[in-house]
PDB file of all heavy atoms in Angstrom:
ATOM      1  N   PHE A   1     178.159 131.378  11.328  1.00  0.00           N
ATOM      2  CA  PHE A   1     176.969 131.750  12.108  1.00  0.00           C
ATOM      3  C   PHE A   1     177.232 132.692  13.265  1.00  0.00           C
ATOM      4  O   PHE A   1     176.390 133.335  13.778  1.00  0.00           O
ATOM      5  CB  PHE A   1     176.328 130.438  12.652  1.00  0.00           C
ATOM      6  CG  PHE A   1     175.919 129.505  11.529  1.00  0.00           C
ATOM      7  CD1 PHE A   1     176.665 128.317  11.330  1.00  0.00           C
ATOM      8  CD2 PHE A   1     174.821 129.754  10.762  1.00  0.00           C
ATOM      9  CE1 PHE A   1     176.222 127.405  10.378  1.00  0.00           C
ATOM     10  CE2 PHE A   1     174.366 128.850   9.770  1.00  0.00           C
ATOM     11  CZ  PHE A   1     175.135 127.660   9.579  1.00  0.00           C
ATOM     12  N   PHE A   2     178.577 132.752  13.633  1.00  0.00           N
ATOM     13  CA  PHE A   2     178.938 133.630  14.757  1.00  0.00           C
ATOM     14  C   PHE A   2     180.226 134.416  14.367  1.00  0.00           C
ATOM     15  O   PHE A   2     181.319 134.129  14.734  1.00  0.00           O
ATOM     16  CB  PHE A   2     179.239 132.815  16.007  1.00  0.00           C
ATOM     17  CG  PHE A   2     177.989 132.141  16.586  1.00  0.00           C
ATOM     18  CD1 PHE A   2     177.695 130.808  16.178  1.00  0.00           C
ATOM     19  CD2 PHE A   2     177.180 132.831  17.424  1.00  0.00           C
ATOM     20  CE1 PHE A   2     176.566 130.274  16.726  1.00  0.00           C
ATOM     21  CE2 PHE A   2     175.996 132.216  17.865  1.00  0.00           C
ATOM     22  CZ  PHE A   2     175.685 130.938  17.535  1.00  0.00           C
ATOM     23  N   PRO A   3     180.008 135.451  13.522  1.00  0.00           N
ATOM     24  CA  PRO A   3     181.163 136.262  13.043  1.00  0.00           C
ATOM     25  C   PRO A   3     182.004 136.823  14.207  1.00  0.00           C
ATOM     26  O   PRO A   3     181.489 137.109  15.275  1.00  0.00           O
ATOM     27  CB  PRO A   3     180.473 137.411  12.278  1.00  0.00           C
ATOM     28  CG  PRO A   3     179.122 136.863  11.888  1.00  0.00           C
ATOM     29  CD  PRO A   3     178.667 135.959  13.053  1.00  0.00           C
ATOM     30  N   GLY A   4     183.328 136.942  13.903  1.00  0.00           N
ATOM     31  CA  GLY A   4     184.206 137.443  14.898  1.00  0.00           C
ATOM     32  C   GLY A   4     184.891 136.410  15.705  1.00  0.00           C
ATOM     33  O   GLY A   4     185.663 136.732  16.650  1.00  0.00           O
ATOM     34  N   ASN A   5     184.646 135.091  15.410  1.00  0.00           N
ATOM     35  CA  ASN A   5     185.226 134.067  16.192  1.00  0.00           C
ATOM     36  C   ASN A   5     186.187 133.183  15.419  1.00  0.00           C
ATOM     37  O   ASN A   5     186.545 132.075  15.868  1.00  0.00           O
ATOM     38  CB  ASN A   5     184.138 133.153  16.806  1.00  0.00           C
ATOM     39  CG  ASN A   5     183.280 133.800  17.862  1.00  0.00           C
ATOM     40  OD1 ASN A   5     183.815 133.995  19.056  1.00  0.00           O
ATOM     41  ND2 ASN A   5     182.183 134.323  17.598  1.00  0.00           N
ATOM     42  N   GLY A   6     186.606 133.705  14.278  1.00  0.00           N
ATOM     43  CA  GLY A   6     187.533 132.982  13.448  1.00  0.00           C
ATOM     44  C   GLY A   6     186.957 131.646  12.957  1.00  0.00           C
ATOM     45  O   GLY A   6     185.760 131.608  12.600  1.00  0.00           O
ATOM     46  N   CYS A   7     187.770 130.609  12.988  1.00  0.00           N
ATOM     47  CA  CYS A   7     187.327 129.318  12.527  1.00  0.00           C
ATOM     48  C   CYS A   7     186.908 128.418  13.702  1.00  0.00           C
ATOM     49  O   CYS A   7     187.501 128.491  14.753  1.00  0.00           O
ATOM     50  CB  CYS A   7     188.483 128.598  11.813  1.00  0.00           C
ATOM     51  SG  CYS A   7     188.040 127.055  10.882  1.00  0.00           S
ATOM     52  N   TYR A   8     185.858 127.624  13.527  1.00  0.00           N
ATOM     53  CA  TYR A   8     185.390 126.771  14.638  1.00  0.00           C
ATOM     54  C   TYR A   8     184.829 125.501  14.028  1.00  0.00           C
ATOM     55  O   TYR A   8     184.628 125.327  12.830  1.00  0.00           O
ATOM     56  CB  TYR A   8     184.376 127.511  15.528  1.00  0.00           C
ATOM     57  CG  TYR A   8     183.331 128.287  14.818  1.00  0.00           C
ATOM     58  CD1 TYR A   8     182.092 127.755  14.546  1.00  0.00           C
ATOM     59  CD2 TYR A   8     183.538 129.576  14.451  1.00  0.00           C
ATOM     60  CE1 TYR A   8     181.078 128.509  13.928  1.00  0.00           C
ATOM     61  CE2 TYR A   8     182.550 130.365  13.790  1.00  0.00           C
ATOM     62  CZ  TYR A   8     181.373 129.834  13.527  1.00  0.00           C
ATOM     63  OH  TYR A   8     180.402 130.564  12.907  1.00  0.00           O
ATOM     64  N   VAL A   9     184.584 124.526  14.896  1.00  0.00           N
ATOM     65  CA  VAL A   9     184.143 123.177  14.522  1.00  0.00           C
ATOM     66  C   VAL A   9     182.660 122.950  14.717  1.00  0.00           C
ATOM     67  O   VAL A   9     182.169 123.157  15.774  1.00  0.00           O
ATOM     68  CB  VAL A   9     184.927 122.080  15.258  1.00  0.00           C
ATOM     69  CG1 VAL A   9     184.543 120.717  14.713  1.00  0.00           C
ATOM     70  CG2 VAL A   9     186.422 122.262  15.114  1.00  0.00           C
ATOM     71  N   ASP A  10     181.939 122.554  13.653  1.00  0.00           N
ATOM     72  CA  ASP A  10     180.576 122.102  13.796  1.00  0.00           C
ATOM     73  C   ASP A  10     180.721 120.575  14.108  1.00  0.00           C
ATOM     74  O   ASP A  10     181.183 119.785  13.262  1.00  0.00           O
ATOM     75  CB  ASP A  10     179.777 122.275  12.534  1.00  0.00           C
ATOM     76  CG  ASP A  10     178.373 121.781  12.606  1.00  0.00           C
ATOM     77  OD1 ASP A  10     178.041 121.078  13.569  1.00  0.00           O
ATOM     78  OD2 ASP A  10     177.578 122.191  11.772  1.00  0.00           O
ATOM     79  N   LEU A  11     180.345 120.173  15.358  1.00  0.00           N
ATOM     80  CA  LEU A  11     180.566 118.798  15.811  1.00  0.00           C
ATOM     81  C   LEU A  11     179.647 117.794  15.167  1.00  0.00           C
ATOM     82  O   LEU A  11     179.752 116.586  15.413  1.00  0.00           O
ATOM     83  CB  LEU A  11     180.536 118.787  17.342  1.00  0.00           C
ATOM     84  CG  LEU A  11     181.644 119.480  18.061  1.00  0.00           C
ATOM     85  CD1 LEU A  11     181.315 119.541  19.556  1.00  0.00           C
ATOM     86  CD2 LEU A  11     182.966 118.764  17.812  1.00  0.00           C
ATOM     87  N   ASP A  12     178.681 118.248  14.440  1.00  0.00           N
ATOM     88  CA  ASP A  12     177.787 117.366  13.650  1.00  0.00           C
ATOM     89  C   ASP A  12     178.000 117.746  12.193  1.00  0.00           C
ATOM     90  O   ASP A  12     177.395 118.705  11.726  1.00  0.00           O
ATOM     91  CB  ASP A  12     176.350 117.513  14.114  1.00  0.00           C
ATOM     92  CG  ASP A  12     175.420 116.447  13.476  1.00  0.00           C
ATOM     93  OD1 ASP A  12     175.872 115.729  12.596  1.00  0.00           O
ATOM     94  OD2 ASP A  12     174.235 116.403  13.927  1.00  0.00           O
ATOM     95  N   GLY A  13     178.759 116.993  11.476  1.00  0.00           N
ATOM     96  CA  GLY A  13     179.117 117.323  10.069  1.00  0.00           C
ATOM     97  C   GLY A  13     177.942 117.261   9.137  1.00  0.00           C
ATOM     98  O   GLY A  13     176.817 117.491   9.508  1.00  0.00           O
ATOM     99  N   SER A  14     178.226 116.927   7.917  1.00  0.00           N
ATOM    100  CA  SER A  14     177.231 116.989   6.843  1.00  0.00           C
ATOM    101  C   SER A  14     176.898 115.571   6.283  1.00  0.00           C
ATOM    102  O   SER A  14     176.635 115.382   5.116  1.00  0.00           O
ATOM    103  CB  SER A  14     177.651 117.884   5.706  1.00  0.00           C
ATOM    104  OG  SER A  14     177.845 119.181   6.231  1.00  0.00           O
ATOM    105  N   THR A  15     176.878 114.523   7.223  1.00  0.00           N
ATOM    106  CA  THR A  15     176.601 113.195   6.779  1.00  0.00           C
ATOM    107  C   THR A  15     175.498 112.587   7.689  1.00  0.00           C
ATOM    108  O   THR A  15     175.303 111.393   7.719  1.00  0.00           O
ATOM    109  CB  THR A  15     177.840 112.318   6.883  1.00  0.00           C
ATOM    110  OG1 THR A  15     178.339 112.306   8.207  1.00  0.00           O
ATOM    111  CG2 THR A  15     178.885 112.725   5.886  1.00  0.00           C
ATOM    112  N   ASN A  16     174.738 113.500   8.415  1.00  0.00           N
ATOM    113  CA  ASN A  16     173.763 113.025   9.317  1.00  0.00           C
ATOM    114  C   ASN A  16     174.316 112.131  10.474  1.00  0.00           C
ATOM    115  O   ASN A  16     173.575 111.267  10.988  1.00  0.00           O
ATOM    116  CB  ASN A  16     172.592 112.325   8.625  1.00  0.00           C
ATOM    117  CG  ASN A  16     171.842 113.317   7.726  1.00  0.00           C
ATOM    118  OD1 ASN A  16     171.446 114.369   8.166  1.00  0.00           O
ATOM    119  ND2 ASN A  16     171.667 112.921   6.461  1.00  0.00           N
ATOM    120  N   ALA A  17     175.558 112.278  10.813  1.00  0.00           N
ATOM    121  CA  ALA A  17     176.161 111.484  11.857  1.00  0.00           C
ATOM    122  C   ALA A  17     177.303 112.331  12.420  1.00  0.00           C
ATOM    123  O   ALA A  17     178.166 112.824  11.689  1.00  0.00           O
ATOM    124  CB  ALA A  17     176.711 110.184  11.339  1.00  0.00           C
ATOM    125  N   SER A  18     177.268 112.491  13.794  1.00  0.00           N
ATOM    126  CA  SER A  18     178.336 113.271  14.449  1.00  0.00           C
ATOM    127  C   SER A  18     179.577 112.454  14.624  1.00  0.00           C
ATOM    128  O   SER A  18     179.577 111.253  14.995  1.00  0.00           O
ATOM    129  CB  SER A  18     177.864 113.691  15.833  1.00  0.00           C
ATOM    130  OG  SER A  18     176.624 114.425  15.748  1.00  0.00           O
ATOM    131  N   GLY A  19     180.735 113.115  14.433  1.00  0.00           N
ATOM    132  CA  GLY A  19     182.007 112.489  14.665  1.00  0.00           C
ATOM    133  C   GLY A  19     182.405 112.588  16.140  1.00  0.00           C
ATOM    134  O   GLY A  19     181.758 113.266  16.912  1.00  0.00           O
ATOM    135  N   LEU A  20     183.402 111.785  16.515  1.00  0.00           N
ATOM    136  CA  LEU A  20     183.914 111.836  17.831  1.00  0.00           C
ATOM    137  C   LEU A  20     185.259 112.513  17.812  1.00  0.00           C
ATOM    138  O   LEU A  20     186.299 111.839  17.515  1.00  0.00           O
ATOM    139  CB  LEU A  20     184.087 110.418  18.428  1.00  0.00           C
ATOM    140  CG  LEU A  20     184.721 110.232  19.813  1.00  0.00           C
ATOM    141  CD1 LEU A  20     183.807 110.940  20.861  1.00  0.00           C
ATOM    142  CD2 LEU A  20     184.835 108.744  20.212  1.00  0.00           C
ATOM    143  N   LEU A  21     185.339 113.798  18.071  1.00  0.00           N
ATOM    144  CA  LEU A  21     186.536 114.534  17.980  1.00  0.00           C
ATOM    145  C   LEU A  21     187.442 114.258  19.174  1.00  0.00           C
ATOM    146  O   LEU A  21     187.004 114.471  20.356  1.00  0.00           O
ATOM    147  CB  LEU A  21     186.181 116.001  17.912  1.00  0.00           C
ATOM    148  CG  LEU A  21     187.384 116.991  17.629  1.00  0.00           C
ATOM    149  CD1 LEU A  21     187.929 116.747  16.217  1.00  0.00           C
ATOM    150  CD2 LEU A  21     186.986 118.431  17.826  1.00  0.00           C
ATOM    151  N   THR A  22     188.669 113.737  18.893  1.00  0.00           N
ATOM    152  CA  THR A  22     189.550 113.238  19.939  1.00  0.00           C
ATOM    153  C   THR A  22     190.968 113.678  19.810  1.00  0.00           C
ATOM    154  O   THR A  22     191.472 113.825  18.680  1.00  0.00           O
ATOM    155  CB  THR A  22     189.481 111.686  19.917  1.00  0.00           C
ATOM    156  OG1 THR A  22     188.139 111.207  20.034  1.00  0.00           O
ATOM    157  CG2 THR A  22     190.307 111.096  21.110  1.00  0.00           C
ATOM    158  N   LYS A  23     191.612 113.943  20.956  1.00  0.00           N
ATOM    159  CA  LYS A  23     193.005 114.204  20.974  1.00  0.00           C
ATOM    160  C   LYS A  23     193.606 113.646  22.242  1.00  0.00           C
ATOM    161  O   LYS A  23     193.007 113.739  23.344  1.00  0.00           O
ATOM    162  CB  LYS A  23     193.332 115.721  20.910  1.00  0.00           C
ATOM    163  CG  LYS A  23     194.790 116.009  20.722  1.00  0.00           C
ATOM    164  CD  LYS A  23     195.044 117.502  20.411  1.00  0.00           C
ATOM    165  CE  LYS A  23     196.485 117.799  20.200  1.00  0.00           C
ATOM    166  NZ  LYS A  23     197.023 117.080  18.981  1.00  0.00           N
ATOM    167  N   SER A  24     194.797 113.020  22.150  1.00  0.00           N
ATOM    168  CA  SER A  24     195.414 112.387  23.266  1.00  0.00           C
ATOM    169  C   SER A  24     196.572 113.209  23.825  1.00  0.00           C
ATOM    170  O   SER A  24     197.348 113.876  23.036  1.00  0.00           O
ATOM    171  CB  SER A  24     195.959 111.003  22.817  1.00  0.00           C
ATOM    172  OG  SER A  24     196.548 110.285  23.881  1.00  0.00           O
ATOM    173  N   PHE A  25     196.717 113.193  25.127  1.00  0.00           N
ATOM    174  CA  PHE A  25     197.793 113.914  25.794  1.00  0.00           C
ATOM    175  C   PHE A  25     198.490 113.043  26.802  1.00  0.00           C
ATOM    176  O   PHE A  25     197.886 112.213  27.520  1.00  0.00           O
ATOM    177  CB  PHE A  25     197.232 115.139  26.548  1.00  0.00           C
ATOM    178  CG  PHE A  25     196.538 116.161  25.644  1.00  0.00           C
ATOM    179  CD1 PHE A  25     195.158 116.066  25.410  1.00  0.00           C
ATOM    180  CD2 PHE A  25     197.248 117.162  25.087  1.00  0.00           C
ATOM    181  CE1 PHE A  25     194.561 116.980  24.622  1.00  0.00           C
ATOM    182  CE2 PHE A  25     196.617 118.048  24.245  1.00  0.00           C
ATOM    183  CZ  PHE A  25     195.278 118.002  23.989  1.00  0.00           C
ATOM    184  N   ASN A  26     199.826 113.243  26.886  1.00  0.00           N
ATOM    185  CA  ASN A  26     200.570 112.511  27.911  1.00  0.00           C
ATOM    186  C   ASN A  26     200.597 113.389  29.211  1.00  0.00           C
ATOM    187  O   ASN A  26     201.102 114.469  29.208  1.00  0.00           O
ATOM    188  CB  ASN A  26     202.048 112.315  27.462  1.00  0.00           C
ATOM    189  CG  ASN A  26     202.133 111.284  26.342  1.00  0.00           C
ATOM    190  OD1 ASN A  26     201.446 110.246  26.357  1.00  0.00           O
ATOM    191  ND2 ASN A  26     202.930 111.569  25.349  1.00  0.00           N
ATOM    192  N   LEU A  27     199.980 112.834  30.255  1.00  0.00           N
ATOM    193  CA  LEU A  27     199.823 113.554  31.484  1.00  0.00           C
ATOM    194  C   LEU A  27     200.522 112.900  32.589  1.00  0.00           C
ATOM    195  O   LEU A  27     200.774 111.698  32.583  1.00  0.00           O
ATOM    196  CB  LEU A  27     198.346 113.656  31.838  1.00  0.00           C
ATOM    197  CG  LEU A  27     197.410 114.259  30.720  1.00  0.00           C
ATOM    198  CD1 LEU A  27     195.949 114.331  31.228  1.00  0.00           C
ATOM    199  CD2 LEU A  27     197.897 115.671  30.344  1.00  0.00           C
ATOM    200  N   LEU A  28     200.932 113.677  33.584  1.00  0.00           N
ATOM    201  CA  LEU A  28     201.689 113.212  34.766  1.00  0.00           C
ATOM    202  C   LEU A  28     200.790 112.850  35.942  1.00  0.00           C
ATOM    203  O   LEU A  28     199.811 113.523  36.224  1.00  0.00           O
ATOM    204  CB  LEU A  28     202.683 114.268  35.202  1.00  0.00           C
ATOM    205  CG  LEU A  28     203.712 114.727  34.168  1.00  0.00           C
ATOM    206  CD1 LEU A  28     204.539 115.843  34.713  1.00  0.00           C
ATOM    207  CD2 LEU A  28     204.612 113.559  33.764  1.00  0.00           C
ATOM    208  N   ALA A  29     201.104 111.772  36.626  1.00  0.00           N
ATOM    209  CA  ALA A  29     200.361 111.339  37.768  1.00  0.00           C
ATOM    210  C   ALA A  29     200.275 112.403  38.843  1.00  0.00           C
ATOM    211  O   ALA A  29     201.235 113.140  39.065  1.00  0.00           O
ATOM    212  CB  ALA A  29     200.981 110.052  38.369  1.00  0.00           C
ATOM    213  N   ASN A  30     199.092 112.495  39.429  1.00  0.00           N
ATOM    214  CA  ASN A  30     198.815 113.441  40.566  1.00  0.00           C
ATOM    215  C   ASN A  30     199.044 114.949  40.266  1.00  0.00           C
ATOM    216  O   ASN A  30     199.119 115.730  41.157  1.00  0.00           O
ATOM    217  CB  ASN A  30     199.733 113.000  41.786  1.00  0.00           C
ATOM    218  CG  ASN A  30     199.465 111.598  42.229  1.00  0.00           C
ATOM    219  OD1 ASN A  30     198.405 111.131  42.304  1.00  0.00           O
ATOM    220  ND2 ASN A  30     200.613 110.861  42.445  1.00  0.00           N
ATOM    221  N   ASN A  31     199.069 115.217  38.969  1.00  0.00           N
ATOM    222  CA  ASN A  31     199.028 116.624  38.534  1.00  0.00           C
ATOM    223  C   ASN A  31     197.630 117.045  38.274  1.00  0.00           C
ATOM    224  O   ASN A  31     196.776 116.226  37.766  1.00  0.00           O
ATOM    225  CB  ASN A  31     199.885 116.836  37.308  1.00  0.00           C
ATOM    226  CG  ASN A  31     201.358 117.005  37.631  1.00  0.00           C
ATOM    227  OD1 ASN A  31     202.027 117.930  37.187  1.00  0.00           O
ATOM    228  ND2 ASN A  31     201.935 116.104  38.413  1.00  0.00           N
ATOM    229  N   SER A  32     197.356 118.329  38.539  1.00  0.00           N
ATOM    230  CA  SER A  32     195.970 118.840  38.276  1.00  0.00           C
ATOM    231  C   SER A  32     195.958 119.512  36.899  1.00  0.00           C
ATOM    232  O   SER A  32     196.749 120.363  36.612  1.00  0.00           O
ATOM    233  CB  SER A  32     195.614 119.844  39.348  1.00  0.00           C
ATOM    234  OG  SER A  32     195.535 119.239  40.650  1.00  0.00           O
ATOM    235  N   TYR A  33     194.980 119.093  36.100  1.00  0.00           N
ATOM    236  CA  TYR A  33     194.845 119.630  34.762  1.00  0.00           C
ATOM    237  C   TYR A  33     193.440 120.259  34.567  1.00  0.00           C
ATOM    238  O   TYR A  33     192.452 119.759  35.119  1.00  0.00           O
ATOM    239  CB  TYR A  33     195.022 118.538  33.658  1.00  0.00           C
ATOM    240  CG  TYR A  33     196.469 118.010  33.686  1.00  0.00           C
ATOM    241  CD1 TYR A  33     196.809 116.884  34.423  1.00  0.00           C
ATOM    242  CD2 TYR A  33     197.439 118.624  32.883  1.00  0.00           C
ATOM    243  CE1 TYR A  33     198.125 116.369  34.433  1.00  0.00           C
ATOM    244  CE2 TYR A  33     198.756 118.094  32.840  1.00  0.00           C
ATOM    245  CZ  TYR A  33     199.068 116.997  33.617  1.00  0.00           C
ATOM    246  OH  TYR A  33     200.321 116.493  33.585  1.00  0.00           O
TER     247      TYR A  33
END
């Protein structure tokens, strides 16, 4: 739908239910992210 942007994620798939896209990161205390 938006040529020129490569591959992207439709956050509401094709089952009439949106998934919860999640990724976990190990972060350090008192660091700004």
